Amino acid sequence: MTVWDDLVGQERVQEQLAVAARDADALVTATAAGESPPEASKMTHAWLFTGPPGSGRDTAARAFAAALQCTSPDRALGGAPGCGFCDGCHTSLVGTHADVEVVRTDLLSIGVKETRDLVRRAQLSPAVGRWQVIVLEDADRLTEGAGNVLLKAVEEPAPRTVWLLCAPSLEDVLPTIRSRCRHLTLRTPSVAAVADVLMRRDGIEPEAATAAARATQGHIDRARRLATDERTRARRASVLGLPLRVEDIGGCLKAAQELVDAAAEDAKQLAEEVDAKETEDLKAALGAVAGGRMPRGTAGAMKELEDRQKRRRTRTQRDSLDLALTDLTGFYRDVLALQMRSGLALANEDVRDALDRIARSSGPERTLRRIEAILACREALDANVAPLLAVEAMTMALRAG
């Protein structure tokens, strides 16, 4: 099993990364031997992975990081880097390699302070590996100030440092940064490819794997959760039942409240799992005495942790709502396909009765307006509009069509 095996439906990107990994290996080998590096190299110091949610941007970046750190002896015999079995590949993939820093955030943004810490690390030489690799999974969440800090590091990189940035699209990254990166675009994997992975890797029955892959339209992680988690299936069923419950104003307001409450419950559950342990760990590190009393001068650190936890709850709630809105968009996409008699495969075949009912009771114009209402709700949430207000406006628009 090579490091590329988890890249589903990305053959072109895999080929490009494999070539770059071979050139990177040749570059390090030549430098170590005091020889001149190869002139025509596909390796560069900064990469930008873009693609729709579920396409595997982060997976591709981590696989490339592992290939760059590959120490397989087969390389000397012509083998390609990225064997998947050597210590360099294994530790990179599981997140324990000393020279591979994977940065992901559970907050709404990545600030200047965190970015400066990354830039300082990027200036270090590799400790044990062949390259110093920084994988920034949420490059689209960099604030403007943080982006400007990162720009300097990307413009003048250390000799053996590689930046791997991930974002949904080019427009989500500062033009000055993306112009200095080699760009790779990933596509949404096919339903068949995702179902095959679920069957091979997770042992899911073929029928359930295909249904989950079709329902999530090629989003690998969501398909896995849908196929293995009963709670996720129940949440999706509730969301897909919403179009039939917005026939009057009372139904609209109730449906909106239920959506927001469900998202808040997700945030609460995460807080219960993580916040208490974080708080206790910080208190212990700051030297809390018996009775829970904190030493002088530690109030600022506790306040900073509380603020971080609050921002994480906001992010969790927003992500949960966004997932529900994505499912709702898929529902009306299927309605539109039925109304236009397009013959496209339906993502939500399991609720065909509801799809037929909505399709018969309205026309394509109303369906398009409903999809626009969902998109407007997502934009409102991104603009920090109160969740309940944004969702209520959406459900009222769904009723009006």
Protein backbone atom coordinates (compact mmCIF):
# COMPACT_ATOMS: atom_id res chain seq x y z
CA MET A 1 0.00 0.00 0.00
CA THR A 2 1.61 3.25 -1.16
CA VAL A 3 0.98 6.72 0.24
CA TRP A 4 -1.18 7.48 -2.81
CA ASP A 5 -3.78 4.77 -2.17
CA ASP A 6 -6.12 7.11 -0.29
CA LEU A 7 -6.26 9.55 -3.22
CA VAL A 8 -9.59 8.54 -4.70
CA GLY A 9 -10.27 9.44 -8.32
CA GLN A 10 -7.28 11.82 -8.58
CA GLU A 11 -5.04 9.99 -11.06
CA ARG A 12 -3.73 13.14 -12.76
CA VAL A 13 -2.84 14.84 -9.48
CA GLN A 14 -1.24 11.64 -8.18
CA GLU A 15 0.96 11.42 -11.27
CA GLN A 16 2.11 15.03 -10.90
CA LEU A 17 2.94 14.59 -7.22
CA ALA A 18 4.77 11.33 -7.83
CA VAL A 19 6.98 12.99 -10.44
CA ALA A 20 7.69 15.91 -8.09
CA ALA A 21 8.54 13.50 -5.26
CA ARG A 22 11.06 11.70 -7.48
CA ASP A 23 12.65 15.01 -8.45
CA ALA A 24 12.74 16.09 -4.79
CA ASP A 25 14.48 12.83 -3.87
CA ALA A 26 17.03 13.36 -6.63
CA LEU A 27 17.60 16.93 -5.46
CA VAL A 28 18.33 15.90 -1.86
CA THR A 29 20.54 12.99 -2.96
CA ALA A 30 22.58 15.19 -5.30
CA THR A 31 23.00 17.90 -2.65
CA ALA A 32 24.16 15.35 -0.07
CA ALA A 33 26.73 14.00 -2.54
CA GLY A 34 28.00 17.48 -3.38
CA GLU A 35 26.72 17.24 -6.94
CA SER A 36 24.78 19.76 -8.97
CA PRO A 37 21.00 19.37 -8.65
CA PRO A 38 18.97 18.32 -11.69
CA GLU A 39 18.15 21.29 -13.92
CA ALA A 40 14.66 20.36 -15.10
CA SER A 41 12.90 19.62 -11.79
CA LYS A 42 9.18 19.39 -11.12
CA MET A 43 9.81 20.10 -7.43
CA THR A 44 9.10 23.51 -5.95
CA HIS A 45 8.93 24.98 -2.46
CA ALA A 46 5.21 25.93 -2.31
CA TRP A 47 2.10 24.07 -3.46
CA LEU A 48 -1.57 24.97 -3.42
CA PHE A 49 -4.17 22.18 -3.43
CA THR A 50 -7.70 23.26 -4.33
CA GLY A 51 -10.90 21.36 -4.91
CA PRO A 52 -14.48 20.99 -3.69
CA PRO A 53 -15.22 19.63 -0.19
CA GLY A 54 -14.58 15.90 -0.03
CA SER A 55 -12.20 15.85 -2.99
CA GLY A 56 -9.25 14.94 -0.76
CA ARG A 57 -7.16 18.12 -0.68
CA ASP A 58 -5.76 17.37 2.77
CA THR A 59 -5.21 13.71 1.91
CA ALA A 60 -3.21 14.66 -1.19
CA ALA A 61 -1.06 17.11 0.80
CA ARG A 62 -0.31 14.56 3.54
CA ALA A 63 0.49 11.87 0.98
CA PHE A 64 2.91 14.21 -0.78
CA ALA A 65 4.52 15.10 2.56
CA ALA A 66 5.02 11.39 3.24
CA ALA A 67 6.56 10.81 -0.20
CA LEU A 68 8.99 13.66 0.41
CA GLN A 69 10.13 12.00 3.66
CA CYS A 70 10.28 8.45 2.19
CA THR A 71 13.41 6.53 3.27
CA SER A 72 12.71 3.24 1.51
CA PRO A 73 15.91 1.53 0.30
CA ASP A 74 14.07 0.68 -2.92
CA ARG A 75 14.61 4.26 -4.05
CA ALA A 76 18.26 3.49 -4.77
CA LEU A 77 17.10 0.67 -7.07
CA GLY A 78 14.75 2.88 -9.04
CA GLY A 79 11.72 2.59 -6.78
CA ALA A 80 9.43 5.60 -6.49
CA PRO A 81 9.27 7.57 -3.21
CA GLY A 82 6.12 7.02 -1.21
CA CYS A 83 6.30 3.31 -0.41
CA GLY A 84 3.94 3.67 2.55
CA PHE A 85 5.89 1.22 4.73
CA CYS A 86 9.14 2.93 5.72
CA ASP A 87 9.49 4.97 8.89
CA GLY A 88 9.41 8.26 6.99
CA CYS A 89 6.15 7.44 5.20
CA HIS A 90 4.45 5.89 8.22
CA THR A 91 5.23 8.64 10.72
CA SER A 92 4.26 11.34 8.20
CA LEU A 93 0.87 9.75 7.56
CA VAL A 94 0.04 9.21 11.25
CA GLY A 95 1.21 12.68 12.25
CA THR A 96 4.28 11.90 14.35
CA HIS A 97 7.12 12.84 11.98
CA ALA A 98 9.37 15.48 13.53
CA ASP A 99 9.66 17.42 10.27
CA VAL A 100 6.05 17.35 9.12
CA GLU A 101 3.79 19.94 10.73
CA VAL A 102 0.10 19.52 9.90
CA VAL A 103 -1.91 22.63 10.79
CA ARG A 104 -5.70 22.50 10.99
CA THR A 105 -7.99 24.77 12.96
CA ASP A 106 -11.25 24.24 14.78
CA LEU A 107 -11.75 28.01 14.95
CA LEU A 108 -13.19 30.47 12.46
CA SER A 109 -9.81 31.84 11.38
CA ILE A 110 -6.03 31.49 11.66
CA GLY A 111 -4.44 34.59 13.12
CA VAL A 112 -1.13 36.39 12.91
CA LYS A 113 0.33 34.83 16.07
CA GLU A 114 -0.17 31.24 14.91
CA THR A 115 1.19 32.06 11.45
CA ARG A 116 4.32 33.67 12.86
CA ASP A 117 4.99 30.50 14.85
CA LEU A 118 4.72 28.49 11.62
CA VAL A 119 7.04 30.84 9.76
CA ARG A 120 9.65 30.54 12.52
CA ARG A 121 9.45 26.75 12.31
CA ALA A 122 9.76 26.86 8.53
CA GLN A 123 13.16 28.52 8.85
CA LEU A 124 14.60 25.49 10.66
CA SER A 125 16.56 22.78 8.89
CA PRO A 126 15.04 19.28 8.91
CA ALA A 127 15.78 17.50 12.18
CA VAL A 128 15.59 13.89 11.04
CA GLY A 129 13.88 13.94 7.65
CA ARG A 130 14.76 15.02 4.15
CA TRP A 131 12.54 18.11 4.10
CA GLN A 132 10.84 20.47 6.53
CA VAL A 133 7.18 20.22 5.45
CA ILE A 134 4.36 22.52 6.59
CA VAL A 135 0.85 21.34 5.67
CA LEU A 136 -1.69 24.14 6.14
CA GLU A 137 -5.07 22.45 5.72
CA ASP A 138 -7.19 25.59 6.14
CA ALA A 139 -5.31 28.21 4.14
CA ASP A 140 -8.65 29.82 3.30
CA ARG A 141 -9.08 30.70 6.99
CA LEU A 142 -5.99 32.90 7.16
CA THR A 143 -6.81 36.45 8.15
CA GLU A 144 -5.44 39.18 5.91
CA GLY A 145 -2.70 39.91 8.41
CA ALA A 146 -1.78 36.24 8.71
CA GLY A 147 -1.67 35.96 4.92
CA ASN A 148 0.79 38.82 4.73
CA VAL A 149 2.99 37.12 7.34
CA LEU A 150 2.91 33.88 5.34
CA LEU A 151 3.71 35.69 2.10
CA LYS A 152 7.20 36.61 3.27
CA ALA A 153 7.99 32.96 4.08
CA VAL A 154 6.69 31.76 0.71
CA GLU A 155 8.63 34.46 -1.15
CA GLU A 156 11.93 33.65 0.57
CA PRO A 157 11.76 29.99 1.67
CA ALA A 158 14.47 28.11 3.51
CA PRO A 159 16.41 25.73 1.22
CA ARG A 160 14.79 22.53 2.47
CA THR A 161 11.31 23.79 3.44
CA VAL A 162 8.11 22.95 1.55
CA TRP A 163 4.74 24.65 2.08
CA LEU A 164 1.61 22.65 1.21
CA LEU A 165 -1.49 24.87 1.33
CA CYS A 166 -5.07 23.60 0.99
CA ALA A 167 -8.14 25.68 0.12
CA PRO A 168 -11.50 25.18 -1.61
CA SER A 169 -10.59 27.48 -4.53
CA LEU A 170 -7.95 29.92 -5.78
CA GLU A 171 -10.17 32.85 -4.80
CA ASP A 172 -9.94 31.78 -1.13
CA VAL A 173 -6.20 32.55 -1.04
CA LEU A 174 -4.49 35.92 -1.36
CA PRO A 175 -3.41 36.57 -4.98
CA THR A 176 0.13 37.31 -3.84
CA ILE A 177 0.39 33.89 -2.18
CA ARG A 178 -1.25 31.79 -4.88
CA SER A 179 0.96 33.41 -7.55
CA ARG A 180 3.99 31.94 -5.77
CA CYS A 181 2.59 28.39 -5.47
CA ARG A 182 2.29 25.53 -7.90
CA HIS A 183 -1.43 24.91 -8.23
CA LEU A 184 -3.09 21.49 -8.29
CA THR A 185 -6.85 21.15 -8.75
CA LEU A 186 -8.64 18.09 -7.39
CA ARG A 187 -12.04 16.98 -8.63
CA THR A 188 -14.99 15.37 -6.89
CA PRO A 189 -14.50 11.58 -6.94
CA SER A 190 -17.09 9.48 -8.72
CA VAL A 191 -19.77 7.64 -6.74
CA ALA A 192 -18.31 4.32 -7.85
CA ALA A 193 -14.80 5.26 -6.67
CA VAL A 194 -16.03 6.36 -3.23
CA ALA A 195 -18.18 3.23 -2.83
CA ASP A 196 -15.18 1.06 -3.72
CA VAL A 197 -13.08 2.71 -1.00
CA LEU A 198 -15.83 2.22 1.60
CA MET A 199 -16.08 -1.47 0.72
CA ARG A 200 -12.32 -2.09 0.64
CA ARG A 201 -11.20 0.04 3.59
CA ASP A 202 -14.19 -0.02 5.91
CA GLY A 203 -15.81 -3.37 5.10
CA ILE A 204 -19.16 -1.75 4.31
CA GLU A 205 -21.69 -3.80 2.36
CA PRO A 206 -21.87 -2.87 -1.36
CA GLU A 207 -25.46 -1.63 -1.25
CA ALA A 208 -24.89 0.58 1.80
CA ALA A 209 -21.58 1.87 0.41
CA THR A 210 -23.16 2.85 -2.91
CA ALA A 211 -26.12 4.52 -1.20
CA ALA A 212 -23.83 6.56 1.09
CA ALA A 213 -21.54 7.58 -1.78
CA ARG A 214 -24.51 8.62 -3.91
CA ALA A 215 -26.16 10.56 -1.07
CA THR A 216 -23.01 12.56 -0.34
CA GLN A 217 -22.15 13.13 -4.02
CA GLY A 218 -18.59 11.86 -3.75
CA HIS A 219 -17.60 13.39 -0.38
CA ILE A 220 -15.47 10.58 1.08
CA ASP A 221 -15.50 11.53 4.77
CA ARG A 222 -19.22 12.30 4.79
CA ALA A 223 -19.96 9.05 2.98
CA ARG A 224 -18.00 7.10 5.58
CA ARG A 225 -19.85 8.77 8.46
CA LEU A 226 -23.21 8.25 6.79
CA ALA A 227 -22.51 4.55 6.22
CA THR A 228 -21.21 3.86 9.72
CA ASP A 229 -23.01 6.25 12.10
CA GLU A 230 -26.70 5.86 12.89
CA ARG A 231 -26.91 9.35 14.40
CA THR A 232 -25.64 10.89 11.13
CA ARG A 233 -28.29 9.00 9.17
CA ALA A 234 -31.02 10.18 11.53
CA ARG A 235 -29.84 13.80 11.24
CA ARG A 236 -29.86 13.60 7.45
CA ALA A 237 -33.35 12.08 7.40
CA SER A 238 -34.60 14.96 9.55
CA VAL A 239 -33.08 17.56 7.22
CA LEU A 240 -34.51 15.91 4.09
CA GLY A 241 -37.95 15.97 5.70
CA LEU A 242 -37.85 19.75 6.07
CA PRO A 243 -39.26 20.64 2.60
CA LEU A 244 -42.52 18.88 3.51
CA ARG A 245 -42.79 20.73 6.84
CA VAL A 246 -42.67 24.35 5.60
CA GLU A 247 -46.23 24.53 4.28
CA ASP A 248 -47.26 27.20 6.81
CA ILE A 249 -45.55 29.90 8.86
CA GLY A 250 -45.64 27.84 12.05
CA GLY A 251 -43.98 24.94 10.29
CA CYS A 252 -41.28 27.23 8.92
CA LEU A 253 -40.41 28.65 12.32
CA LYS A 254 -40.45 25.23 13.98
CA ALA A 255 -38.24 23.68 11.31
CA ALA A 256 -35.75 26.55 11.61
CA GLN A 257 -35.62 26.20 15.37
CA GLU A 258 -35.00 22.46 15.10
CA LEU A 259 -32.13 22.95 12.66
CA VAL A 260 -30.44 25.52 14.86
CA ASP A 261 -31.03 23.47 18.03
CA ALA A 262 -29.50 20.39 16.40
CA ALA A 263 -26.40 22.38 15.43
CA ALA A 264 -26.15 23.83 18.93
CA GLU A 265 -26.38 20.32 20.37
CA ASP A 266 -23.44 19.26 18.21
CA ALA A 267 -21.40 22.17 19.55
CA LYS A 268 -22.43 21.34 23.11
CA GLN A 269 -21.41 17.70 22.77
CA LEU A 270 -17.98 18.68 21.45
CA ALA A 271 -17.59 21.15 24.30
CA GLU A 272 -18.44 18.49 26.87
CA GLU A 273 -15.86 16.16 25.35
CA VAL A 274 -13.03 18.64 24.94
CA ASP A 275 -13.49 21.82 27.00
CA ALA A 276 -13.42 20.26 30.46
CA LYS A 277 -10.19 18.37 29.76
CA GLU A 278 -8.54 21.45 28.22
CA THR A 279 -9.49 23.55 31.23
CA GLU A 280 -8.21 21.01 33.75
CA ASP A 281 -4.96 20.54 31.80
CA LEU A 282 -4.35 24.28 31.71
CA LYS A 283 -5.10 24.66 35.41
CA ALA A 284 -2.64 21.91 36.22
CA ALA A 285 0.01 23.48 33.98
CA LEU A 286 -0.50 26.88 35.66
CA GLY A 287 -0.16 25.35 39.11
CA ALA A 288 -3.69 25.37 40.47
CA VAL A 289 -3.69 24.67 44.21
CA ALA A 290 -6.10 22.62 46.28
CA GLY A 291 -9.64 23.93 46.16
CA GLY A 292 -9.29 25.09 42.55
CA ARG A 293 -7.68 28.43 43.43
CA MET A 294 -5.44 29.77 40.66
CA PRO A 295 -2.09 31.51 41.24
CA ARG A 296 -1.86 35.23 40.61
CA GLY A 297 -1.29 36.32 37.02
CA THR A 298 -3.04 33.35 35.42
CA ALA A 299 -6.44 34.94 34.81
CA GLY A 300 -5.37 36.11 31.34
CA ALA A 301 -4.43 32.59 30.24
CA MET A 302 -7.75 31.19 31.47
CA LYS A 303 -9.65 33.98 29.70
CA GLU A 304 -7.79 33.25 26.46
CA LEU A 305 -8.75 29.57 26.69
CA GLU A 306 -12.40 30.44 27.32
CA ASP A 307 -12.42 32.73 24.28
CA ARG A 308 -10.89 30.00 22.14
CA GLN A 309 -13.47 27.48 23.32
CA LYS A 310 -16.27 29.92 22.56
CA ARG A 311 -14.96 30.45 19.03
CA ARG A 312 -14.71 26.69 18.55
CA ARG A 313 -18.35 26.22 19.60
CA THR A 314 -19.34 28.88 17.07
CA ARG A 315 -17.35 27.11 14.36
CA THR A 316 -18.86 23.73 15.24
CA GLN A 317 -22.39 25.09 15.14
CA ARG A 318 -21.76 26.80 11.83
CA ASP A 319 -20.22 23.65 10.32
CA SER A 320 -23.18 21.57 11.46
CA LEU A 321 -25.62 24.03 9.92
CA ASP A 322 -23.61 24.15 6.71
CA LEU A 323 -23.77 20.37 6.44
CA ALA A 324 -27.55 20.47 6.82
CA LEU A 325 -27.80 23.18 4.15
CA THR A 326 -25.65 21.08 1.82
CA ASP A 327 -28.04 18.15 2.20
CA LEU A 328 -30.98 20.48 1.61
CA THR A 329 -29.38 21.83 -1.57
CA GLY A 330 -28.94 18.27 -2.80
CA PHE A 331 -32.63 17.61 -2.18
CA TYR A 332 -33.75 20.52 -4.37
CA ARG A 333 -31.14 19.62 -6.98
CA ASP A 334 -32.89 16.26 -7.28
CA VAL A 335 -36.27 18.01 -7.48
CA LEU A 336 -34.96 20.15 -10.33
CA ALA A 337 -33.61 17.07 -12.12
CA LEU A 338 -37.07 15.47 -11.96
CA GLN A 339 -38.81 18.62 -13.14
CA MET A 340 -36.45 18.99 -16.10
CA ARG A 341 -36.60 15.25 -16.89
CA SER A 342 -32.81 15.31 -17.14
CA GLY A 343 -32.29 11.62 -16.46
CA LEU A 344 -29.50 12.39 -13.96
CA ALA A 345 -28.98 9.93 -11.13
CA LEU A 346 -30.69 11.15 -7.97
CA ALA A 347 -28.57 11.63 -4.86
CA ASN A 348 -31.53 11.11 -2.52
CA GLU A 349 -33.29 8.15 -4.06
CA ASP A 350 -34.24 6.96 -0.56
CA VAL A 351 -36.71 9.88 -0.27
CA ARG A 352 -38.10 9.56 -3.78
CA ASP A 353 -41.70 10.02 -2.62
CA ALA A 354 -40.91 13.43 -1.13
CA LEU A 355 -38.96 14.43 -4.24
CA ASP A 356 -41.87 13.50 -6.49
CA ARG A 357 -44.34 15.38 -4.31
CA ILE A 358 -42.34 18.62 -4.34
CA ALA A 359 -41.57 18.27 -8.05
CA ARG A 360 -45.26 17.92 -8.93
CA SER A 361 -46.39 20.81 -6.74
CA SER A 362 -44.06 23.44 -8.20
CA GLY A 363 -42.06 24.36 -11.28
CA PRO A 364 -38.32 24.68 -12.03
CA GLU A 365 -38.38 28.45 -11.42
CA ARG A 366 -39.59 27.99 -7.85
CA THR A 367 -37.02 25.26 -7.26
CA LEU A 368 -34.21 27.53 -8.44
CA ARG A 369 -35.45 30.30 -6.12
CA ARG A 370 -35.42 27.82 -3.24
CA ILE A 371 -31.83 26.81 -4.01
CA GLU A 372 -30.92 30.51 -4.10
CA ALA A 373 -32.55 30.94 -0.67
CA ILE A 374 -30.33 28.20 0.75
CA LEU A 375 -27.22 29.81 -0.76
CA ALA A 376 -28.29 33.17 0.68
CA CYS A 377 -28.59 31.56 4.12
CA ARG A 378 -25.05 30.21 3.87
CA GLU A 379 -23.77 33.65 2.91
CA ALA A 380 -25.64 35.20 5.84
CA LEU A 381 -24.06 32.73 8.25
CA ASP A 382 -20.62 33.55 6.84
CA ALA A 383 -21.40 37.20 7.53
CA ASN A 384 -22.12 36.34 11.19
CA VAL A 385 -25.88 36.85 10.99
CA ALA A 386 -27.61 35.23 13.99
CA PRO A 387 -28.14 31.55 12.99
CA LEU A 388 -31.83 31.42 13.93
CA LEU A 389 -32.60 34.63 12.03
CA ALA A 390 -30.79 33.39 8.90
CA VAL A 391 -32.42 29.96 8.96
CA GLU A 392 -35.91 31.38 9.62
CA ALA A 393 -35.52 33.68 6.59
CA MET A 394 -34.53 30.64 4.53
CA THR A 395 -37.43 28.44 5.60
CA MET A 396 -39.89 31.27 4.86
CA ALA A 397 -38.34 31.61 1.41
CA LEU A 398 -38.61 27.86 0.87
CA ARG A 399 -42.33 28.08 1.65
CA ALA A 400 -42.85 30.98 -0.75
CA GLY A 401 -40.74 29.45 -3.49
